[in-house]
């Protein structure tokens, strides 16, 4: 490296450009340093401090990465830009840097870089399980909400899943990204995990044309003894019980059960962070038995739209590992069955009432008492108004000896129309002063052609308050 005296730089306008760079502890930054294409073959370097500065990395290699501790440099001669990467940032990394081109016999071309490292909780290691899913959370300052964000594995990035939209998931095969700009949160979702998904990943925010900051983490995909999928049956509108095992290493972590709805990976969620205590939220109840490594609970008001749930664990960084898929198959609705039964009963009742109304004769009175010699009329649909004659006792003066014919009416008089009952005329006719004086004999009626032509009460019958009437043939 050639020493460039400070006073010389100050005397030459435009020699020094300045870049403001912000990074986060535990993460890293990528700084783009442009140079004149005339210097493609020249040596490139990155140093810290005022001139003369201390080299952090220097190389004459072209179009390949060169590493030196936490620093890396890549000279892209086709675009005349070399990129410097600093990993595992620390607060003491804050300060002034220079990215420069060594020009023999001339003043080196350079760009001033002011780096500020902000203390943050870095993503270190994320654990997932073969056959399951995972969500990785990345927090950033809200001033970066409109900047482009993407995810890379090793040095291979996935530009198809970068997103500049606030409310939609962007998908690329098994990878999806969602950005919650109001919360300054980027979520990366990887489904159907495989063991070869293990490796180093990097989430990057392109803050400007000059630099990007990123967070690197290791993704470890492990095998476990947990059931990967459970299928349950429940009536629509009813409830169902669930039971999910989880790995011992997550015993002290938060457990959750969430409903997946299309692209929304966790539309509704209930979590529990204590052992052997029930937790309820919405229609989900959960219970975590850490000694048994068992998450149990119930889901109420099951619907066709709420048919896929996931049991999982959540780490301190808010990353979620989806371990067991719970599928609910609807077998019918208890509410619908009840309504159908009720409807059948209502229809049956209305049909019975309609039949009874149809059988009832119009204009017929249930009973009518108009005095001696008059007809007392009741109606009965089955017998087409046949006459029934009752012979009365011969001693009208002794009311105690009077044997009155008694007609025992059915429980529901509206169901039947009764035949006419006529008291015999003659000397033996009893004088009846009021309807209260009458006691009618029990009469059993037949319907239609089976009805008798007449019914007669004999004078020599024993006294009975409710005497039976024998049917006589015509």
Protein backbone atom coordinates (compact mmCIF):
# COMPACT_ATOMS: atom_id res chain seq x y z
CA UNK A 1 0.00 0.00 0.00
CA UNK A 2 1.16 3.48 -0.75
CA UNK A 3 1.05 6.09 2.01
CA UNK A 4 -1.22 9.01 1.11
CA UNK A 5 -0.58 12.11 3.15
CA UNK A 6 -3.67 13.81 4.55
CA UNK A 7 -2.74 17.31 3.40
CA UNK A 8 -2.28 16.04 -0.16
CA UNK A 9 -5.80 14.56 -0.22
CA UNK A 10 -7.30 17.75 1.05
CA UNK A 11 -5.63 19.70 -1.73
CA UNK A 12 -7.11 17.55 -4.50
CA UNK A 13 -10.91 17.99 -4.82
CA UNK A 14 -12.97 14.90 -5.59
CA UNK A 15 -10.31 12.40 -4.67
CA UNK A 16 -12.09 11.26 -1.49
CA UNK A 17 -15.76 10.15 -1.60
CA UNK A 18 -17.60 9.35 1.63
CA UNK A 19 -20.04 6.54 2.49
CA UNK A 20 -22.08 6.28 5.70
CA UNK A 21 -22.55 2.64 6.71
CA UNK A 22 -24.67 1.18 9.54
CA UNK A 23 -24.33 -2.40 10.75
CA UNK A 24 -25.60 -4.52 13.65
CA UNK A 25 -23.55 -6.42 16.17
CA UNK A 26 -23.35 -10.08 15.32
CA UNK A 27 -24.24 -9.30 11.72
CA UNK A 28 -22.21 -7.89 8.88
CA UNK A 29 -21.93 -5.30 6.13
CA UNK A 30 -21.11 -5.39 2.42
CA UNK A 31 -19.50 -2.22 1.07
CA UNK A 32 -19.29 -1.51 -2.66
CA UNK A 33 -16.25 0.47 -3.76
CA UNK A 34 -16.25 1.82 -7.32
CA UNK A 35 -13.05 2.61 -9.21
CA UNK A 36 -11.99 3.77 -12.63
CA UNK A 37 -11.89 0.97 -15.21
CA UNK A 38 -8.34 1.96 -16.02
CA UNK A 39 -7.35 0.32 -12.76
CA UNK A 40 -8.90 -3.14 -13.27
CA UNK A 41 -5.53 -4.78 -12.98
CA UNK A 42 -4.40 -2.82 -9.95
CA UNK A 43 -4.22 -4.09 -6.39
CA UNK A 44 -7.24 -3.33 -4.14
CA UNK A 45 -7.24 -2.93 -0.37
CA UNK A 46 -9.35 -1.96 2.65
CA UNK A 47 -7.85 -0.25 5.68
CA UNK A 48 -8.91 1.32 8.97
CA UNK A 49 -8.04 4.69 10.52
CA UNK A 50 -6.68 7.95 9.26
CA UNK A 51 -3.80 8.04 6.86
CA UNK A 52 -1.58 6.23 7.04
CA UNK A 53 -4.29 3.59 7.73
CA UNK A 54 -3.84 -0.04 8.77
CA UNK A 55 -4.61 -2.69 6.21
CA UNK A 56 -7.47 -5.05 7.02
CA UNK A 57 -7.31 -6.91 3.72
CA UNK A 58 -5.40 -6.48 0.44
CA UNK A 59 -5.41 -8.55 -2.78
CA UNK A 60 -4.42 -8.60 -6.42
CA UNK A 61 -6.81 -11.50 -7.19
CA UNK A 62 -9.55 -10.81 -9.70
CA UNK A 63 -13.16 -12.06 -9.78
CA UNK A 64 -12.85 -14.33 -6.74
CA UNK A 65 -13.27 -13.95 -3.03
CA UNK A 66 -10.24 -13.47 -0.84
CA UNK A 67 -10.60 -13.81 2.94
CA UNK A 68 -8.60 -12.44 5.83
CA UNK A 69 -10.12 -13.12 9.24
CA UNK A 70 -13.53 -11.43 9.42
CA UNK A 71 -12.84 -9.47 6.21
CA UNK A 72 -13.41 -10.57 2.61
CA UNK A 73 -12.80 -8.80 -0.70
CA UNK A 74 -14.08 -9.51 -4.21
CA UNK A 75 -12.82 -7.53 -7.21
CA UNK A 76 -15.40 -7.59 -10.02
CA UNK A 77 -13.40 -6.26 -12.95
CA UNK A 78 -16.35 -6.40 -15.36
CA UNK A 79 -18.24 -3.74 -13.39
CA UNK A 80 -15.15 -1.99 -11.95
CA UNK A 81 -16.43 -2.47 -8.40
CA UNK A 82 -14.81 -4.32 -5.54
CA UNK A 83 -16.85 -5.45 -2.58
CA UNK A 84 -15.64 -5.62 1.01
CA UNK A 85 -17.48 -7.77 3.55
CA UNK A 86 -17.09 -7.52 7.33
CA UNK A 87 -18.67 -10.32 9.40
CA UNK A 88 -19.46 -10.78 13.07
CA UNK A 89 -19.52 -7.04 13.70
CA UNK A 90 -18.56 -5.68 17.11
CA UNK A 91 -19.03 -2.28 18.64
CA UNK A 92 -15.28 -1.64 18.49
CA UNK A 93 -15.46 -2.01 14.70
CA UNK A 94 -17.10 1.42 14.51
CA UNK A 95 -14.87 4.08 12.96
CA UNK A 96 -13.33 5.36 9.73
CA UNK A 97 -12.17 3.09 6.91
CA UNK A 98 -10.91 3.47 3.35
CA UNK A 99 -11.38 1.25 0.34
CA UNK A 100 -8.65 2.09 -2.15
CA UNK A 101 -6.84 1.20 -5.37
CA UNK A 102 -3.04 1.06 -5.33
CA UNK A 103 -1.73 3.23 -8.20
CA UNK A 104 2.05 3.12 -8.55
CA UNK A 105 3.76 6.52 -8.92
CA UNK A 106 0.42 8.26 -8.31
CA UNK A 107 -1.92 9.13 -5.46
CA UNK A 108 -4.09 6.13 -4.63
CA UNK A 109 -7.77 6.38 -5.54
CA UNK A 110 -9.90 5.89 -2.39
CA UNK A 111 -13.35 6.17 -0.84
CA UNK A 112 -13.89 7.07 2.80
CA UNK A 113 -16.21 4.74 4.77
CA UNK A 114 -17.72 5.75 8.12
CA UNK A 115 -18.97 2.63 9.88
CA UNK A 116 -21.37 2.68 12.83
CA UNK A 117 -22.14 -0.60 14.61
CA UNK A 118 -25.42 -0.78 16.59
CA UNK A 119 -25.81 -3.27 19.41
CA UNK A 120 -28.40 -5.92 18.53
CA UNK A 121 -29.38 -9.49 19.32
CA UNK A 122 -27.91 -11.46 16.43
CA UNK A 123 -29.29 -14.63 14.86
CA UNK A 124 -26.81 -17.39 15.59
CA UNK A 125 -28.26 -20.86 15.18
CA UNK A 126 -31.75 -21.94 14.17
CA UNK A 127 -32.92 -25.52 14.62
CA UNK A 128 -35.48 -27.26 12.44
CA UNK A 129 -36.74 -30.82 12.03
CA UNK A 130 -36.88 -33.05 8.99
CA UNK A 131 -40.36 -33.07 7.46
CA UNK A 132 -41.45 -29.95 9.35
CA UNK A 133 -41.44 -26.22 8.60
CA UNK A 134 -39.62 -23.25 10.07
CA UNK A 135 -40.07 -19.47 10.36
CA UNK A 136 -36.99 -17.28 10.90
CA UNK A 137 -37.46 -13.69 12.10
CA UNK A 138 -35.16 -10.81 11.24
CA UNK A 139 -35.60 -7.39 12.86
CA UNK A 140 -34.43 -4.14 11.29
CA UNK A 141 -34.79 -0.40 11.86
CA UNK A 142 -37.92 1.12 10.36
CA UNK A 143 -35.85 3.54 8.29
CA UNK A 144 -34.99 0.53 6.13
CA UNK A 145 -38.61 -0.50 5.53
CA UNK A 146 -38.59 0.52 1.85
CA UNK A 147 -35.26 -1.08 1.06
CA UNK A 148 -34.86 -4.32 -0.85
CA UNK A 149 -34.41 -7.47 1.22
CA UNK A 150 -33.43 -11.00 0.24
CA UNK A 151 -32.01 -14.24 1.56
CA UNK A 152 -28.86 -16.07 0.53
CA UNK A 153 -27.41 -19.49 1.24
CA UNK A 154 -23.64 -19.37 1.35
CA UNK A 155 -22.92 -17.06 -1.58
CA UNK A 156 -25.94 -18.13 -3.63
CA UNK A 157 -28.84 -15.73 -3.26
CA UNK A 158 -32.50 -16.17 -4.15
CA UNK A 159 -33.51 -12.99 -5.99
CA UNK A 160 -36.89 -14.47 -6.91
CA UNK A 161 -38.06 -14.23 -3.31
CA UNK A 162 -36.97 -10.68 -2.63
CA UNK A 163 -39.90 -8.46 -1.74
CA UNK A 164 -40.69 -4.77 -1.71
CA UNK A 165 -44.34 -5.28 -0.74
CA UNK A 166 -45.58 -4.89 2.81
CA UNK A 167 -48.42 -7.34 3.16
CA UNK A 168 -47.84 -10.30 0.80
CA UNK A 169 -45.79 -13.46 0.99
CA UNK A 170 -43.37 -13.93 -1.90
CA UNK A 171 -42.74 -17.57 -2.80
CA UNK A 172 -39.94 -19.47 -4.48
CA UNK A 173 -40.52 -23.22 -4.33
CA UNK A 174 -40.11 -24.18 -0.66
CA UNK A 175 -39.01 -20.67 0.40
CA UNK A 176 -41.29 -17.74 1.24
CA UNK A 177 -40.65 -14.24 2.57
CA UNK A 178 -43.03 -11.85 4.30
CA UNK A 179 -42.22 -8.29 5.35
CA UNK A 180 -44.07 -6.52 8.12
CA UNK A 181 -42.91 -2.99 7.52
CA UNK A 182 -44.85 -1.42 10.37
CA UNK A 183 -43.07 -3.73 12.82
CA UNK A 184 -39.70 -3.72 11.04
CA UNK A 185 -39.82 -7.51 10.77
CA UNK A 186 -38.79 -9.80 7.94
CA UNK A 187 -39.98 -13.43 8.18
CA UNK A 188 -38.46 -16.25 6.17
CA UNK A 189 -40.49 -19.47 5.88
CA UNK A 190 -39.00 -22.79 4.72
CA UNK A 191 -41.40 -25.72 4.29
CA UNK A 192 -40.89 -29.48 4.08
CA UNK A 193 -37.43 -29.31 5.61
CA UNK A 194 -34.76 -31.76 4.51
CA UNK A 195 -31.44 -32.63 6.11
CA UNK A 196 -29.53 -31.09 3.20
CA UNK A 197 -31.19 -27.73 3.99
CA UNK A 198 -28.66 -27.43 6.80
CA UNK A 199 -26.00 -24.77 6.24
CA UNK A 200 -25.12 -21.09 6.50
CA UNK A 201 -27.77 -18.52 5.53
CA UNK A 202 -27.72 -14.76 5.22
CA UNK A 203 -30.59 -12.25 5.30
CA UNK A 204 -29.61 -9.03 3.56
CA UNK A 205 -31.01 -5.50 3.41
CA UNK A 206 -29.76 -3.33 0.59
CA UNK A 207 -29.57 0.05 2.33
CA UNK A 208 -28.17 1.95 -0.68
CA UNK A 209 -26.18 1.50 -3.86
CA UNK A 210 -23.03 1.70 -1.75
CA UNK A 211 -23.66 -0.84 1.00
CA UNK A 212 -25.89 -3.56 2.45
CA UNK A 213 -26.08 -5.00 5.94
CA UNK A 214 -26.93 -8.60 6.75
CA UNK A 215 -27.39 -11.20 9.43
CA UNK A 216 -25.87 -14.66 9.09
CA UNK A 217 -27.10 -17.75 10.87
CA UNK A 218 -26.62 -21.51 10.83
CA UNK A 219 -29.64 -23.67 10.06
CA UNK A 220 -29.42 -27.16 11.55
CA UNK A 221 -31.98 -29.71 10.37
CA UNK A 222 -32.27 -32.67 12.71
CA UNK A 223 -34.21 -35.92 12.86
CA UNK A 224 -36.53 -36.54 15.79
CA UNK A 225 -38.93 -39.20 17.08
CA UNK A 226 -42.03 -37.00 16.83
CA UNK A 227 -45.03 -37.88 14.70
CA UNK A 228 -44.99 -35.69 11.57
CA UNK A 229 -48.70 -35.74 10.76
CA UNK A 230 -51.91 -36.50 12.68
CA UNK A 231 -55.35 -36.96 11.12
CA UNK A 232 -58.42 -36.40 13.32
CA UNK A 233 -62.17 -36.45 12.73
CA UNK A 234 -64.73 -34.01 14.09
CA UNK A 235 -68.23 -32.77 13.35
CA UNK A 236 -68.43 -29.31 11.83
CA UNK A 237 -69.13 -26.87 14.64
CA UNK A 238 -67.95 -29.43 17.21
CA UNK A 239 -64.61 -29.84 19.00
CA UNK A 240 -61.57 -32.09 18.75
CA UNK A 241 -58.68 -32.99 21.09
CA UNK A 242 -55.05 -32.87 19.97
CA UNK A 243 -51.82 -34.37 21.35
CA UNK A 244 -48.29 -33.63 20.02
CA UNK A 245 -44.83 -34.79 21.13
CA UNK A 246 -41.79 -32.48 20.92
CA UNK A 247 -38.00 -32.99 21.31
CA UNK A 248 -36.49 -32.93 24.80
CA UNK A 249 -34.15 -30.08 23.80
CA UNK A 250 -37.19 -27.76 23.56
CA UNK A 251 -38.61 -28.63 26.98
CA UNK A 252 -38.21 -25.09 28.34
CA UNK A 253 -39.20 -23.31 25.11
CA UNK A 254 -42.60 -21.83 24.31
CA UNK A 255 -45.03 -24.28 22.65
CA UNK A 256 -47.72 -23.20 20.21
CA UNK A 257 -50.62 -24.46 18.11
CA UNK A 258 -51.57 -22.39 15.11
CA UNK A 259 -54.06 -22.54 12.25
CA UNK A 260 -52.65 -22.31 8.74
CA UNK A 261 -54.83 -20.55 6.17
CA UNK A 262 -53.54 -20.63 2.60
CA UNK A 263 -50.57 -18.30 2.29
CA UNK A 264 -51.00 -17.11 5.87
CA UNK A 265 -48.75 -19.57 7.68
CA UNK A 266 -50.01 -18.88 11.18
CA UNK A 267 -53.32 -17.04 10.92
CA UNK A 268 -54.45 -17.78 14.50
CA UNK A 269 -52.11 -18.92 17.25
CA UNK A 270 -52.25 -19.93 20.90
CA UNK A 271 -49.04 -20.47 22.88
CA UNK A 272 -48.17 -21.74 26.35
CA UNK A 273 -44.91 -21.01 28.20
CA UNK A 274 -45.53 -22.78 31.50
CA UNK A 275 -45.63 -26.45 32.39
CA UNK A 276 -48.88 -28.08 33.49
CA UNK A 277 -51.01 -24.97 33.29
CA UNK A 278 -53.89 -24.48 30.86
CA UNK A 279 -53.79 -21.58 28.45
CA UNK A 280 -56.78 -20.50 26.35
CA UNK A 281 -57.00 -18.09 23.45
CA UNK A 282 -59.95 -17.94 21.09
CA UNK A 283 -61.15 -21.45 20.37
CA UNK A 284 -57.84 -23.17 21.29
CA UNK A 285 -56.91 -24.52 24.76
CA UNK A 286 -53.36 -25.79 25.42
CA UNK A 287 -51.56 -27.70 28.16
CA UNK A 288 -47.79 -28.40 28.20
CA UNK A 289 -46.45 -31.34 30.22
CA UNK A 290 -42.69 -30.83 30.04
CA UNK A 291 -41.85 -34.03 31.88
CA UNK A 292 -43.76 -36.07 29.32
CA UNK A 293 -42.67 -33.81 26.40
CA UNK A 294 -46.34 -33.63 25.44
CA UNK A 295 -48.45 -30.72 24.22
CA UNK A 296 -52.18 -31.40 24.52
CA UNK A 297 -55.25 -29.29 23.99
CA UNK A 298 -58.58 -28.89 22.25
CA UNK A 299 -59.99 -26.96 19.31
CA UNK A 300 -63.64 -25.90 19.40
CA UNK A 301 -66.03 -24.68 16.69
CA UNK A 302 -64.25 -26.63 13.94
CA UNK A 303 -65.08 -25.53 10.39
CA UNK A 304 -64.04 -26.60 6.92
CA UNK A 305 -61.83 -23.50 6.65
CA UNK A 306 -60.09 -24.39 9.92
CA UNK A 307 -58.87 -27.85 8.98
CA UNK A 308 -55.05 -27.57 9.11
CA UNK A 309 -53.12 -26.83 12.31
CA UNK A 310 -49.47 -27.15 13.37
CA UNK A 311 -47.90 -27.98 16.74
CA UNK A 312 -44.50 -26.44 17.29
CA UNK A 313 -41.91 -24.74 19.48
CA UNK A 314 -40.64 -21.15 19.58
CA UNK A 315 -37.11 -20.11 20.52
CA UNK A 316 -36.02 -16.94 22.31
CA UNK A 317 -35.45 -15.13 19.01
CA UNK A 318 -39.05 -15.74 18.02
CA UNK A 319 -38.09 -18.36 15.42
CA UNK A 320 -40.75 -21.05 15.07
CA UNK A 321 -40.22 -24.74 14.31
CA UNK A 322 -43.37 -26.45 13.05
CA UNK A 323 -43.06 -30.09 14.13
CA UNK A 324 -46.42 -31.89 13.73
CA UNK A 325 -49.15 -31.23 11.21
CA UNK A 326 -52.73 -31.75 12.47
CA UNK A 327 -55.39 -32.36 9.82
CA UNK A 328 -59.06 -32.30 10.82
CA UNK A 329 -61.57 -34.17 8.66
CA UNK A 330 -65.18 -33.02 8.96
CA UNK A 331 -67.76 -35.78 9.44
CA UNK A 332 -70.93 -33.64 9.56
CA UNK A 333 -72.40 -30.95 11.72
CA UNK A 334 -73.99 -31.63 15.10
CA UNK A 335 -75.87 -28.35 14.73
CA UNK A 336 -77.14 -29.27 11.26
CA UNK A 337 -78.26 -32.71 12.45
CA UNK A 338 -80.17 -31.11 15.33
CA UNK A 339 -81.83 -28.62 13.00
CA UNK A 340 -82.81 -31.40 10.57
CA UNK A 341 -84.38 -33.44 13.36
CA UNK A 342 -86.26 -30.41 14.61
CA UNK A 343 -87.47 -29.66 11.10
CA UNK A 344 -88.70 -33.26 10.68
CA UNK A 345 -90.64 -33.05 13.95
CA UNK A 346 -92.22 -29.75 12.93
CA UNK A 347 -93.27 -31.14 9.54
CA UNK A 348 -94.71 -34.28 11.18
CA UNK A 349 -96.69 -32.17 13.66
CA UNK A 350 -98.04 -29.90 10.94
CA UNK A 351 -99.01 -32.91 8.81
CA UNK A 352 -100.92 -34.50 11.69
CA UNK A 353 -102.70 -31.25 12.43
CA UNK A 354 -103.62 -30.89 8.76
CA UNK A 355 -105.08 -34.40 8.61
CA UNK A 356 -107.17 -33.83 11.73
CA UNK A 357 -108.49 -30.53 10.38
CA UNK A 358 -109.36 -32.22 7.10
CA UNK A 359 -111.30 -34.97 8.88
CA UNK A 360 -113.28 -32.58 11.03
CA UNK A 361 -116.84 -31.83 9.79
CA UNK A 362 -117.55 -28.14 9.32
CA UNK A 363 -120.25 -26.53 11.42
CA UNK A 364 -120.59 -29.38 13.93
CA UNK A 365 -120.85 -28.54 17.63
CA UNK A 366 -119.30 -30.70 20.29
CA UNK A 367 -122.55 -30.68 22.27
CA UNK A 368 -125.84 -28.81 22.40
CA UNK A 369 -128.59 -29.09 25.01
CA UNK A 370 -131.86 -27.29 24.06
CA UNK A 371 -134.40 -28.90 26.38
CA UNK A 372 -136.81 -31.88 26.34
CA UNK A 373 -137.75 -33.30 22.97
CA UNK A 374 -134.82 -31.58 21.28
CA UNK A 375 -131.84 -33.30 19.75
CA UNK A 376 -128.49 -33.11 21.53
CA UNK A 377 -125.89 -33.09 18.79
CA UNK A 378 -122.24 -34.05 18.79
CA UNK A 379 -120.16 -34.89 15.73
CA UNK A 380 -117.89 -37.77 14.63
CA UNK A 381 -116.25 -37.93 11.26
CA UNK A 382 -116.01 -41.70 11.20
CA UNK A 383 -119.78 -42.28 11.40
CA UNK A 384 -121.56 -39.96 9.03
CA UNK A 385 -124.10 -38.71 11.61
CA UNK A 386 -125.92 -42.01 12.50
CA UNK A 387 -128.74 -41.78 15.10
CA UNK A 388 -128.33 -43.23 18.57
CA UNK A 389 -131.56 -43.58 20.61
CA UNK A 390 -131.47 -43.81 24.39
CA UNK A 391 -134.56 -45.14 26.22
CA UNK A 392 -135.02 -43.26 29.47
CA UNK A 393 -136.36 -44.47 32.86
CA UNK A 394 -140.13 -44.55 33.42
CA UNK A 395 -140.11 -42.69 36.71
CA UNK A 396 -139.15 -39.13 35.96
CA UNK A 397 -140.11 -37.91 39.40
CA UNK A 398 -137.31 -39.76 41.11
CA UNK A 399 -134.14 -38.35 39.76
CA UNK A 400 -132.07 -40.81 41.77
CA UNK A 401 -133.60 -43.68 39.78
CA UNK A 402 -133.11 -42.03 36.48
CA UNK A 403 -130.61 -43.89 34.41
CA UNK A 404 -129.27 -41.49 31.87
CA UNK A 405 -127.32 -42.58 28.84
CA UNK A 406 -123.75 -41.33 29.12
CA UNK A 407 -121.53 -40.66 26.15
CA UNK A 408 -117.89 -40.76 27.10
CA UNK A 409 -116.10 -38.27 24.90
CA UNK A 410 -112.59 -38.78 23.56
CA UNK A 411 -109.73 -36.88 25.11
CA UNK A 412 -109.56 -34.47 22.19
CA UNK A 413 -113.12 -33.70 21.03
CA UNK A 414 -111.83 -31.78 18.03
CA UNK A 415 -110.55 -35.03 16.55
CA UNK A 416 -114.01 -36.58 16.13
CA UNK A 417 -117.53 -35.71 15.00
CA UNK A 418 -120.18 -37.56 17.01
CA UNK A 419 -123.43 -39.14 15.86
CA UNK A 420 -126.78 -37.66 16.93
CA UNK A 421 -128.19 -38.96 20.22
CA UNK A 422 -132.04 -38.80 20.44
CA UNK A 423 -134.05 -39.54 23.61
CA UNK A 424 -137.10 -41.75 23.05
CA UNK A 425 -140.52 -40.05 23.21
CA UNK A 426 -143.61 -41.43 25.04
CA UNK A 427 -145.04 -41.81 28.50
CA UNK A 428 -141.78 -42.98 29.89
CA UNK A 429 -139.99 -39.89 28.70
CA UNK A 430 -138.09 -38.21 31.47
CA UNK A 431 -138.35 -34.52 31.91
CA UNK A 432 -134.88 -32.96 31.81
CA UNK A 433 -134.67 -29.50 33.14
CA UNK A 434 -131.04 -28.74 32.38
CA UNK A 435 -127.92 -30.13 30.78
CA UNK A 436 -126.45 -30.74 34.23
CA UNK A 437 -129.11 -33.45 34.80
CA UNK A 438 -127.77 -35.62 32.01
CA UNK A 439 -125.34 -38.47 32.45
CA UNK A 440 -124.53 -40.18 29.17
CA UNK A 441 -123.54 -43.76 28.74
CA UNK A 442 -120.14 -44.56 27.32
CA UNK A 443 -120.36 -45.04 23.56
CA UNK A 444 -117.63 -46.67 21.48
CA UNK A 445 -117.77 -45.63 17.85
CA UNK A 446 -116.52 -47.29 14.69
CA UNK A 447 -115.43 -45.52 11.56
CA UNK A 448 -117.13 -45.55 8.17
CA UNK A 449 -118.77 -48.85 7.14
CA UNK A 450 -118.14 -50.44 10.54
CA UNK A 451 -120.35 -47.92 12.38
CA UNK A 452 -123.64 -49.33 13.83
CA UNK A 453 -127.00 -47.96 12.69
CA UNK A 454 -128.18 -47.29 16.25
CA UNK A 455 -127.30 -47.65 19.92
CA UNK A 456 -129.96 -48.27 22.61
CA UNK A 457 -129.86 -48.05 26.39
CA UNK A 458 -132.18 -50.50 28.16
CA UNK A 459 -134.37 -49.52 31.14
CA UNK A 460 -133.45 -52.60 33.11
CA UNK A 461 -129.73 -51.79 33.23
CA UNK A 462 -128.22 -51.46 36.66
CA UNK A 463 -127.59 -47.94 37.78
CA UNK A 464 -124.13 -46.71 36.94
CA UNK A 465 -122.85 -43.23 36.72
CA UNK A 466 -120.98 -44.15 33.54
CA UNK A 467 -122.84 -47.05 31.94
CA UNK A 468 -121.62 -48.63 28.75
CA UNK A 469 -123.77 -48.60 25.66
CA UNK A 470 -124.05 -51.77 23.63
CA UNK A 471 -124.20 -51.42 19.90
CA UNK A 472 -127.24 -53.02 18.25
CA UNK A 473 -127.30 -54.29 14.75
CA UNK A 474 -129.70 -52.59 12.36
